[in-house]
Amino acid sequence: MINNIRGAFSSIWHNKVTSLLTILGVVIGVTSVIVLISLGQGLKNDVSSIIQGMGSNILAVVGGKIDTNNIQSQQQVNPAQFIAGDILTSKDVASIASLDSIDDAVPMGMVSLPLKNGDKVAMPMVIGTTSGFLDSVDLVDLEFGSNIDDTKIDKTVVLSAKTKQALFGDQDALSKTVNIGEQSFTVIGLLKQPEASIMSNDYENLAIISFNNATIINKNQEKIFRIIAKAKDETDINKVKEDIKNTLIENHNGEEDFSVLTQEDLLGLMDQFLDLATTMVTAIAAISLIVGGIGIMNIMLITVTERTREIGLRKAIGASRGAILSQFLVEAIIITLLGGIIGLTISFITNYTIRNNSTLNPEINASIVLLALGLSTVIGVLFGIWPALRAAQKDPIEALRHE
């Protein structure tokens, strides 16, 4: 085996250009697969930490029926239902809030209008909600000023740091006014900048007004796309989920056109979705690995042809078919392992660059490292076996006659 390894490195060295191009195909394939898997793993970690940060007693009610056990079963569901504003109502919010097991129920209404301050315009996500919203969403915290008071009819707004910067620059925005449609709102609070995360983007550009004001702006249409329910700590969260579902089914005349999601449901749903997405893009990237494998098979076939006399000589002095087979198979595996190691190194560098220049946090763990080396070995075996078999099956007399 040591002689085979030594011979493989010698062959690679004597065919430097061809071997380099062959290894390059494996490097591209391994790098693509590892970077995409590590990005998917990092995204799962971000999503999990955010959902877990909401608290195990937080439930989300959304429009549309979601099967949390199998995301692929959602094919027949209209995705627009999940952000629809005409399924959930203020009656649903009140019904949930009236349950003995619920501390608070918070509606999230939508307003599709820009914010203006003179000639400056911002396009944040405008949410109509209640004062309990800040307690329910982990990513959103008040930094300056005060929270909205949904018990009052005054027109007030709380802005995220990015929205405030777009409308007021470095000036103090508290007590200043902004226009939402034809309505003028006074800025009473500013939110903290959320920690860098792929999931924080939705809350970097945000404006919060009272649900009543949002309904007025929407011409008395409520447009609730989500309800956040906070259960009492000592309650069984699955029983609370069933209580909410039964209550809303009664409100919706027996139709279950909504979903009640616990922290566990959200984690499972996001994990399934991200796993499916990662698998799909990784499968596409793996095509380059197949191309690299074909390149290895091609170079090994050329190598076998060029070394026909060597094969004949080795067989003439007693080398078995197994010895010849292992010689060329080891060479193919070493080529792919070199490509895998180089690809893994490039993946570390790529992930470091991504982590330091974006909100993404890719993660390479031990299983991903083993996957890289395993893929390299499998590609070497699969695409090296045919050339190795051809070498092993050569007739020694015919091989010695080869010019």
Protein backbone atom coordinates (compact mmCIF):
# COMPACT_ATOMS: atom_id res chain seq x y z
CA MET A 1 0.00 0.00 0.00
CA ILE A 2 2.84 2.40 0.86
CA ASN A 3 4.40 1.71 -2.54
CA ASN A 4 1.04 2.40 -4.22
CA ILE A 5 0.74 5.73 -2.40
CA ARG A 6 4.32 6.66 -3.27
CA GLY A 7 3.74 5.70 -6.88
CA ALA A 8 0.51 7.72 -7.00
CA PHE A 9 2.25 10.89 -5.84
CA SER A 10 5.05 10.26 -8.34
CA SER A 11 2.52 9.91 -11.17
CA ILE A 12 0.70 13.09 -10.09
CA TRP A 13 4.02 14.97 -9.99
CA HIS A 14 5.05 13.82 -13.47
CA ASN A 15 1.68 14.92 -14.87
CA LYS A 16 1.42 18.18 -12.95
CA VAL A 17 -0.73 20.21 -15.36
CA THR A 18 -3.20 17.42 -16.12
CA SER A 19 -3.41 16.41 -12.46
CA LEU A 20 -3.92 20.03 -11.37
CA LEU A 21 -6.83 20.51 -13.77
CA THR A 22 -8.34 17.22 -12.59
CA ILE A 23 -7.98 18.19 -8.93
CA LEU A 24 -9.48 21.62 -9.69
CA GLY A 25 -12.79 19.99 -10.70
CA VAL A 26 -12.99 18.22 -7.34
CA VAL A 27 -12.00 21.41 -5.48
CA ILE A 28 -14.84 23.39 -7.08
CA GLY A 29 -17.37 20.65 -6.33
CA VAL A 30 -16.33 20.11 -2.72
CA THR A 31 -16.11 23.86 -2.02
CA SER A 32 -19.60 24.46 -3.46
CA VAL A 33 -21.19 21.64 -1.49
CA ILE A 34 -19.49 22.46 1.83
CA VAL A 35 -20.16 26.22 1.64
CA LEU A 36 -23.84 25.67 0.88
CA ILE A 37 -24.28 23.08 3.64
CA SER A 38 -22.48 25.29 6.18
CA LEU A 39 -24.63 28.28 5.16
CA GLY A 40 -27.75 26.17 5.67
CA GLN A 41 -26.52 24.99 9.07
CA GLY A 42 -25.67 28.54 10.14
CA LEU A 43 -29.08 29.77 9.06
CA LYS A 44 -30.76 26.98 11.04
CA ASN A 45 -28.77 27.99 14.11
CA ASP A 46 -29.80 31.65 13.73
CA VAL A 47 -33.47 30.79 13.26
CA SER A 48 -33.44 28.36 16.20
CA SER A 49 -31.87 30.88 18.59
CA ILE A 50 -34.39 33.54 17.61
CA ILE A 51 -37.42 31.27 17.94
CA GLN A 52 -36.17 29.89 21.26
CA GLY A 53 -35.56 33.45 22.43
CA MET A 54 -39.27 34.17 22.02
CA GLY A 55 -39.96 31.87 24.94
CA SER A 56 -41.65 28.49 25.13
CA ASN A 57 -44.93 30.15 26.16
CA ILE A 58 -45.30 32.18 22.94
CA LEU A 59 -47.66 30.97 20.19
CA ALA A 60 -48.17 32.43 16.73
CA VAL A 61 -51.49 32.28 14.87
CA VAL A 62 -51.25 32.72 11.09
CA GLY A 63 -53.66 32.48 8.20
CA GLY A 64 -53.60 29.28 6.13
CA LYS A 65 -53.52 25.64 7.24
CA ILE A 66 -49.95 24.41 7.76
CA ASP A 67 -49.09 20.76 8.35
CA THR A 68 -46.15 21.13 10.76
CA ASN A 69 -45.31 17.43 10.39
CA ASN A 70 -44.56 17.56 6.66
CA ILE A 71 -43.69 20.77 4.84
CA GLN A 72 -43.91 19.01 1.46
CA SER A 73 -47.64 18.55 2.01
CA GLN A 74 -48.12 22.31 1.62
CA GLN A 75 -48.20 21.99 -2.19
CA GLN A 76 -51.97 22.41 -2.35
CA VAL A 77 -52.06 25.38 0.03
CA ASN A 78 -52.01 28.91 -1.34
CA PRO A 79 -48.85 30.55 0.11
CA ALA A 80 -50.61 33.93 -0.03
CA GLN A 81 -52.80 32.73 2.85
CA PHE A 82 -49.83 32.84 5.20
CA ILE A 83 -49.61 36.63 4.90
CA ALA A 84 -53.27 37.27 4.12
CA GLY A 85 -54.96 40.05 6.05
CA ASP A 86 -58.56 38.89 5.68
CA ILE A 87 -58.53 35.57 7.57
CA LEU A 88 -57.80 36.62 11.16
CA THR A 89 -59.96 39.25 12.86
CA SER A 90 -60.05 41.39 16.00
CA LYS A 91 -62.75 38.99 17.28
CA ASP A 92 -60.12 36.23 17.10
CA VAL A 93 -57.69 38.39 19.10
CA ALA A 94 -60.33 39.06 21.75
CA SER A 95 -61.36 35.40 21.90
CA ILE A 96 -57.77 34.28 22.43
CA ALA A 97 -57.13 36.97 25.05
CA SER A 98 -60.24 35.86 26.98
CA LEU A 99 -58.90 32.33 27.52
CA ASP A 100 -57.89 31.61 31.12
CA SER A 101 -54.53 30.22 29.99
CA ILE A 102 -53.54 33.36 28.03
CA ASP A 103 -51.79 36.42 29.46
CA ASP A 104 -52.01 38.55 26.32
CA ALA A 105 -52.89 38.34 22.63
CA VAL A 106 -51.30 40.81 20.22
CA PRO A 107 -52.52 41.47 16.67
CA MET A 108 -50.09 42.38 13.89
CA GLY A 109 -51.79 44.42 11.19
CA MET A 110 -50.24 45.59 7.94
CA VAL A 111 -50.07 49.09 6.46
CA SER A 112 -48.66 49.24 2.93
CA LEU A 113 -47.71 52.92 2.83
CA PRO A 114 -44.40 54.82 2.97
CA LEU A 115 -43.35 57.20 5.75
CA LYS A 116 -42.48 60.78 4.79
CA ASN A 117 -40.67 63.63 6.47
CA GLY A 118 -40.65 66.52 4.05
CA ASP A 119 -38.80 65.30 0.95
CA LYS A 120 -37.39 62.24 2.74
CA VAL A 121 -39.17 58.93 2.23
CA ALA A 122 -38.76 55.55 3.95
CA MET A 123 -40.41 52.23 3.13
CA PRO A 124 -40.38 50.32 6.43
CA MET A 125 -42.63 47.45 7.44
CA VAL A 126 -45.47 49.36 9.14
CA ILE A 127 -47.14 47.23 11.83
CA GLY A 128 -50.38 48.08 13.58
CA THR A 129 -50.37 46.40 16.97
CA THR A 130 -50.73 46.89 20.72
CA SER A 131 -48.27 47.78 23.47
CA GLY A 132 -47.69 44.08 24.17
CA PHE A 133 -45.87 43.64 20.84
CA LEU A 134 -42.49 44.63 22.27
CA ASP A 135 -42.82 41.97 24.96
CA SER A 136 -43.69 39.29 22.41
CA VAL A 137 -41.00 39.78 19.76
CA ASP A 138 -37.50 39.09 21.04
CA LEU A 139 -35.68 41.03 18.32
CA VAL A 140 -37.47 44.30 19.05
CA ASP A 141 -36.58 46.39 22.12
CA LEU A 142 -37.20 50.03 22.98
CA GLU A 143 -34.05 52.16 23.34
CA PHE A 144 -35.36 55.73 23.68
CA GLY A 145 -38.74 57.27 24.42
CA SER A 146 -41.89 55.33 25.16
CA ASN A 147 -44.03 52.56 23.73
CA ILE A 148 -47.31 53.09 21.88
CA ASP A 149 -50.44 53.16 24.03
CA ASP A 150 -53.27 51.39 22.21
CA THR A 151 -55.79 52.61 24.78
CA LYS A 152 -55.40 56.18 23.47
CA ILE A 153 -56.56 57.60 20.15
CA ASP A 154 -53.53 59.87 19.61
CA LYS A 155 -51.43 59.24 16.51
CA THR A 156 -48.01 58.09 17.66
CA VAL A 157 -45.30 55.96 16.09
CA VAL A 158 -42.19 54.07 17.23
CA LEU A 159 -39.37 53.84 14.67
CA SER A 160 -36.50 51.43 14.16
CA ALA A 161 -32.99 52.87 13.99
CA LYS A 162 -32.75 52.38 10.21
CA THR A 163 -36.10 54.06 9.55
CA LYS A 164 -35.22 56.96 11.84
CA GLN A 165 -31.89 57.42 10.00
CA ALA A 166 -33.63 57.47 6.62
CA LEU A 167 -36.14 60.13 7.73
CA PHE A 168 -34.15 62.28 10.15
CA GLY A 169 -30.49 61.46 9.62
CA ASP A 170 -28.46 62.23 12.75
CA GLN A 171 -31.09 64.61 14.15
CA ASP A 172 -33.12 63.79 17.25
CA ALA A 173 -36.40 62.28 16.02
CA LEU A 174 -38.35 62.20 19.30
CA SER A 175 -41.42 64.49 19.27
CA LYS A 176 -40.96 65.08 15.52
CA THR A 177 -43.74 64.19 13.07
CA VAL A 178 -43.89 61.87 10.06
CA ASN A 179 -46.68 61.29 7.56
CA ILE A 180 -48.18 57.87 6.86
CA GLY A 181 -50.48 58.39 3.94
CA GLU A 182 -52.53 61.48 4.79
CA GLN A 183 -52.12 61.04 8.54
CA SER A 184 -49.49 62.82 10.67
CA PHE A 185 -47.85 60.79 13.47
CA THR A 186 -45.62 61.94 16.35
CA VAL A 187 -42.45 59.92 17.00
CA ILE A 188 -42.53 58.86 20.65
CA GLY A 189 -40.00 56.01 20.70
CA LEU A 190 -36.93 54.57 18.97
CA LEU A 191 -35.99 50.91 18.81
CA LYS A 192 -32.58 49.38 19.42
CA GLN A 193 -30.64 48.17 16.42
CA PRO A 194 -31.15 44.36 16.42
CA GLU A 195 -28.10 42.13 16.58
CA ALA A 196 -26.73 41.15 13.18
CA SER A 197 -28.63 38.10 11.97
CA ILE A 198 -30.27 36.96 8.76
CA MET A 199 -33.57 37.06 10.64
CA SER A 200 -33.02 40.59 11.94
CA ASN A 201 -33.45 42.17 8.51
CA ASP A 202 -37.26 42.27 8.87
CA TYR A 203 -36.95 44.35 12.05
CA GLU A 204 -34.19 46.72 10.98
CA ASN A 205 -36.66 48.76 8.92
CA LEU A 206 -39.78 49.01 11.04
CA ALA A 207 -42.48 51.42 12.18
CA ILE A 208 -44.98 50.54 14.94
CA ILE A 209 -48.35 52.25 15.32
CA SER A 210 -51.46 51.30 17.26
CA PHE A 211 -53.76 48.71 15.74
CA ASN A 212 -56.67 51.17 15.79
CA ASN A 213 -54.69 53.73 13.79
CA ALA A 214 -53.62 51.05 11.30
CA THR A 215 -57.27 50.09 10.83
CA ILE A 216 -58.21 53.74 10.19
CA ILE A 217 -55.43 54.15 7.61
CA ASN A 218 -56.60 50.95 5.91
CA LYS A 219 -60.09 52.42 5.52
CA ASN A 220 -61.52 50.42 8.42
CA GLN A 221 -60.06 47.12 7.17
CA GLU A 222 -58.19 45.26 9.92
CA LYS A 223 -55.66 43.32 7.78
CA ILE A 224 -54.29 41.10 10.57
CA PHE A 225 -51.61 38.78 9.19
CA ARG A 226 -50.53 37.33 12.54
CA ILE A 227 -51.60 37.06 16.18
CA ILE A 228 -48.98 36.57 18.90
CA ALA A 229 -50.38 34.87 22.02
CA LYS A 230 -48.52 34.74 25.33
CA ALA A 231 -49.55 31.80 27.50
CA LYS A 232 -49.29 31.75 31.26
CA ASP A 233 -46.05 30.10 32.34
CA GLU A 234 -47.58 27.29 34.33
CA THR A 235 -49.89 26.07 31.56
CA ASP A 236 -49.46 23.09 29.22
CA ILE A 237 -48.54 24.74 25.90
CA ASN A 238 -50.07 21.94 23.82
CA LYS A 239 -53.37 22.28 25.69
CA VAL A 240 -53.27 26.06 25.13
CA LYS A 241 -52.71 25.38 21.43
CA GLU A 242 -55.80 23.16 21.31
CA ASP A 243 -57.86 25.72 23.23
CA ILE A 244 -56.92 28.46 20.76
CA LYS A 245 -57.63 26.21 17.79
CA ASN A 246 -61.05 25.18 19.08
CA THR A 247 -61.94 28.79 19.87
CA LEU A 248 -60.97 30.03 16.40
CA ILE A 249 -62.71 27.16 14.61
CA GLU A 250 -65.90 28.27 16.33
CA ASN A 251 -65.24 31.88 15.23
CA HIS A 252 -64.60 30.72 11.63
CA ASN A 253 -67.82 28.70 11.35
CA GLY A 254 -66.08 25.34 11.64
CA GLU A 255 -63.40 26.07 9.03
CA GLU A 256 -59.76 25.61 10.04
CA ASP A 257 -58.23 28.17 7.67
CA PHE A 258 -55.51 29.16 10.13
CA SER A 259 -52.60 27.58 12.02
CA VAL A 260 -51.58 27.80 15.67
CA LEU A 261 -47.83 27.35 15.99
CA THR A 262 -45.86 26.72 19.18
CA GLN A 263 -42.11 27.27 19.53
CA GLU A 264 -41.60 23.57 18.78
CA ASP A 265 -43.81 23.81 15.67
CA LEU A 266 -41.93 26.86 14.39
CA LEU A 267 -38.58 25.17 14.95
CA GLY A 268 -39.72 22.00 13.21
CA LEU A 269 -41.27 23.89 10.32
CA MET A 270 -38.21 26.06 9.75
CA ASP A 271 -35.87 23.09 10.09
CA GLN A 272 -37.85 21.14 7.48
CA PHE A 273 -37.93 24.09 5.11
CA LEU A 274 -34.23 24.90 5.50
CA ASP A 275 -33.24 21.23 5.22
CA LEU A 276 -35.26 20.92 2.02
CA ALA A 277 -33.81 24.14 0.57
CA THR A 278 -30.24 23.18 1.55
CA THR A 279 -30.66 19.71 0.04
CA MET A 280 -31.92 21.16 -3.24
CA VAL A 281 -29.13 23.69 -3.72
CA THR A 282 -26.51 21.20 -2.52
CA ALA A 283 -27.75 18.65 -5.06
CA ILE A 284 -27.30 21.26 -7.79
CA ALA A 285 -23.79 22.06 -6.54
CA ALA A 286 -22.97 18.34 -6.44
CA ILE A 287 -23.21 18.28 -10.24
CA SER A 288 -19.77 19.92 -10.31
CA LEU A 289 -18.47 16.99 -8.23
CA ILE A 290 -19.75 14.59 -10.87
CA VAL A 291 -18.01 16.65 -13.55
CA GLY A 292 -14.83 16.46 -11.48
CA GLY A 293 -15.26 12.70 -11.17
CA ILE A 294 -15.59 12.37 -14.95
CA GLY A 295 -12.38 14.35 -15.29
CA ILE A 296 -10.65 11.91 -12.91
CA MET A 297 -11.90 8.93 -14.90
CA ASN A 298 -10.66 10.54 -18.10
CA ILE A 299 -7.16 11.25 -16.77
CA MET A 300 -6.92 7.78 -15.25
CA LEU A 301 -7.86 6.16 -18.58
CA ILE A 302 -5.11 8.20 -20.27
CA THR A 303 -2.69 7.21 -17.52
CA VAL A 304 -3.50 3.53 -17.95
CA THR A 305 -2.87 3.81 -21.69
CA GLU A 306 0.43 5.66 -21.22
CA ARG A 307 1.62 3.10 -18.65
CA THR A 308 0.59 -0.04 -20.54
CA ARG A 309 4.18 -1.32 -20.82
CA GLU A 310 4.70 -0.69 -17.10
CA ILE A 311 1.56 -2.73 -16.36
CA GLY A 312 2.79 -5.55 -18.62
CA LEU A 313 6.20 -5.56 -16.95
CA ARG A 314 4.71 -5.69 -13.44
CA LYS A 315 2.44 -8.57 -14.43
CA ALA A 316 5.36 -10.40 -16.08
CA ILE A 317 7.30 -10.39 -12.80
CA GLY A 318 4.33 -11.64 -10.80
CA ALA A 319 2.05 -8.70 -9.93
CA SER A 320 -1.52 -9.88 -9.46
CA ARG A 321 -4.64 -8.27 -10.88
CA GLY A 322 -5.51 -7.09 -7.39
CA ALA A 323 -2.17 -5.33 -7.05
CA ILE A 324 -2.61 -3.50 -10.36
CA LEU A 325 -6.21 -2.65 -9.47
CA SER A 326 -5.24 -1.20 -6.09
CA GLN A 327 -2.35 0.77 -7.63
CA PHE A 328 -4.57 2.79 -9.95
CA LEU A 329 -7.52 2.96 -7.57
CA VAL A 330 -5.27 4.44 -4.85
CA GLU A 331 -4.03 7.01 -7.35
CA ALA A 332 -7.61 8.10 -8.16
CA ILE A 333 -8.51 8.30 -4.45
CA ILE A 334 -5.42 10.40 -3.65
CA ILE A 335 -6.28 12.85 -6.44
CA THR A 336 -9.81 13.31 -5.06
CA LEU A 337 -8.61 13.50 -1.45
CA LEU A 338 -6.18 16.27 -2.41
CA GLY A 339 -9.09 18.06 -4.07
CA GLY A 340 -11.25 17.52 -0.98
CA ILE A 341 -8.62 18.89 1.40
CA ILE A 342 -7.99 21.95 -0.79
CA GLY A 343 -11.74 22.47 -1.22
CA LEU A 344 -12.27 22.23 2.55
CA THR A 345 -9.54 24.82 3.14
CA ILE A 346 -11.11 27.18 0.62
CA SER A 347 -14.49 26.61 2.31
CA PHE A 348 -13.07 27.77 5.66
CA ILE A 349 -11.69 30.92 4.01
CA THR A 350 -14.97 31.56 2.15
CA ASN A 351 -17.08 31.13 5.28
CA TYR A 352 -14.78 33.42 7.26
CA THR A 353 -15.20 36.09 4.56
CA ILE A 354 -18.98 35.67 4.49
CA ARG A 355 -19.21 35.83 8.30
CA ASN A 356 -17.24 39.06 8.47
CA ASN A 357 -18.97 40.82 5.59
CA SER A 358 -22.63 39.86 5.96
CA THR A 359 -25.30 38.89 8.48
CA LEU A 360 -24.89 35.21 7.58
CA ASN A 361 -23.10 32.92 10.03
CA PRO A 362 -22.07 29.74 8.20
CA GLU A 363 -20.93 26.87 10.39
CA ILE A 364 -18.51 24.07 9.54
CA ASN A 365 -18.65 21.27 12.10
CA ALA A 366 -16.97 17.87 12.36
CA SER A 367 -19.71 16.14 10.35
CA ILE A 368 -19.22 18.57 7.45
CA VAL A 369 -15.45 17.95 7.49
CA LEU A 370 -16.08 14.20 7.41
CA LEU A 371 -18.58 14.73 4.60
CA ALA A 372 -15.95 16.56 2.52
CA LEU A 373 -13.39 13.81 2.95
CA GLY A 374 -16.02 11.11 2.49
CA LEU A 375 -17.33 12.65 -0.72
CA SER A 376 -13.79 12.87 -2.06
CA THR A 377 -13.12 9.21 -1.30
CA VAL A 378 -16.43 8.06 -2.81
CA ILE A 379 -15.83 10.06 -6.00
CA GLY A 380 -12.33 8.60 -6.25
CA VAL A 381 -13.63 5.04 -5.91
CA LEU A 382 -16.64 5.45 -8.21
CA PHE A 383 -14.78 7.13 -11.06
CA GLY A 384 -11.47 5.37 -10.55
CA ILE A 385 -12.74 1.81 -10.50
CA TRP A 386 -13.28 1.46 -14.26
CA PRO A 387 -9.78 2.67 -15.29
CA ALA A 388 -8.30 0.50 -12.52
CA LEU A 389 -10.22 -2.55 -13.78
CA ARG A 390 -9.03 -1.90 -17.33
CA ALA A 391 -5.46 -1.78 -16.10
CA ALA A 392 -5.90 -4.98 -14.07
CA GLN A 393 -7.42 -6.89 -17.01
CA LYS A 394 -4.67 -6.12 -19.52
CA ASP A 395 -2.90 -9.12 -20.98
CA PRO A 396 0.80 -8.98 -19.95
CA ILE A 397 2.12 -10.15 -23.35
CA GLU A 398 0.02 -7.63 -25.30
CA ALA A 399 0.94 -4.93 -22.80
CA LEU A 400 4.67 -5.57 -23.27
CA ARG A 401 4.26 -5.28 -27.08
CA HIS A 402 2.56 -1.87 -26.64
CA GLU A 403 4.46 1.08 -28.12
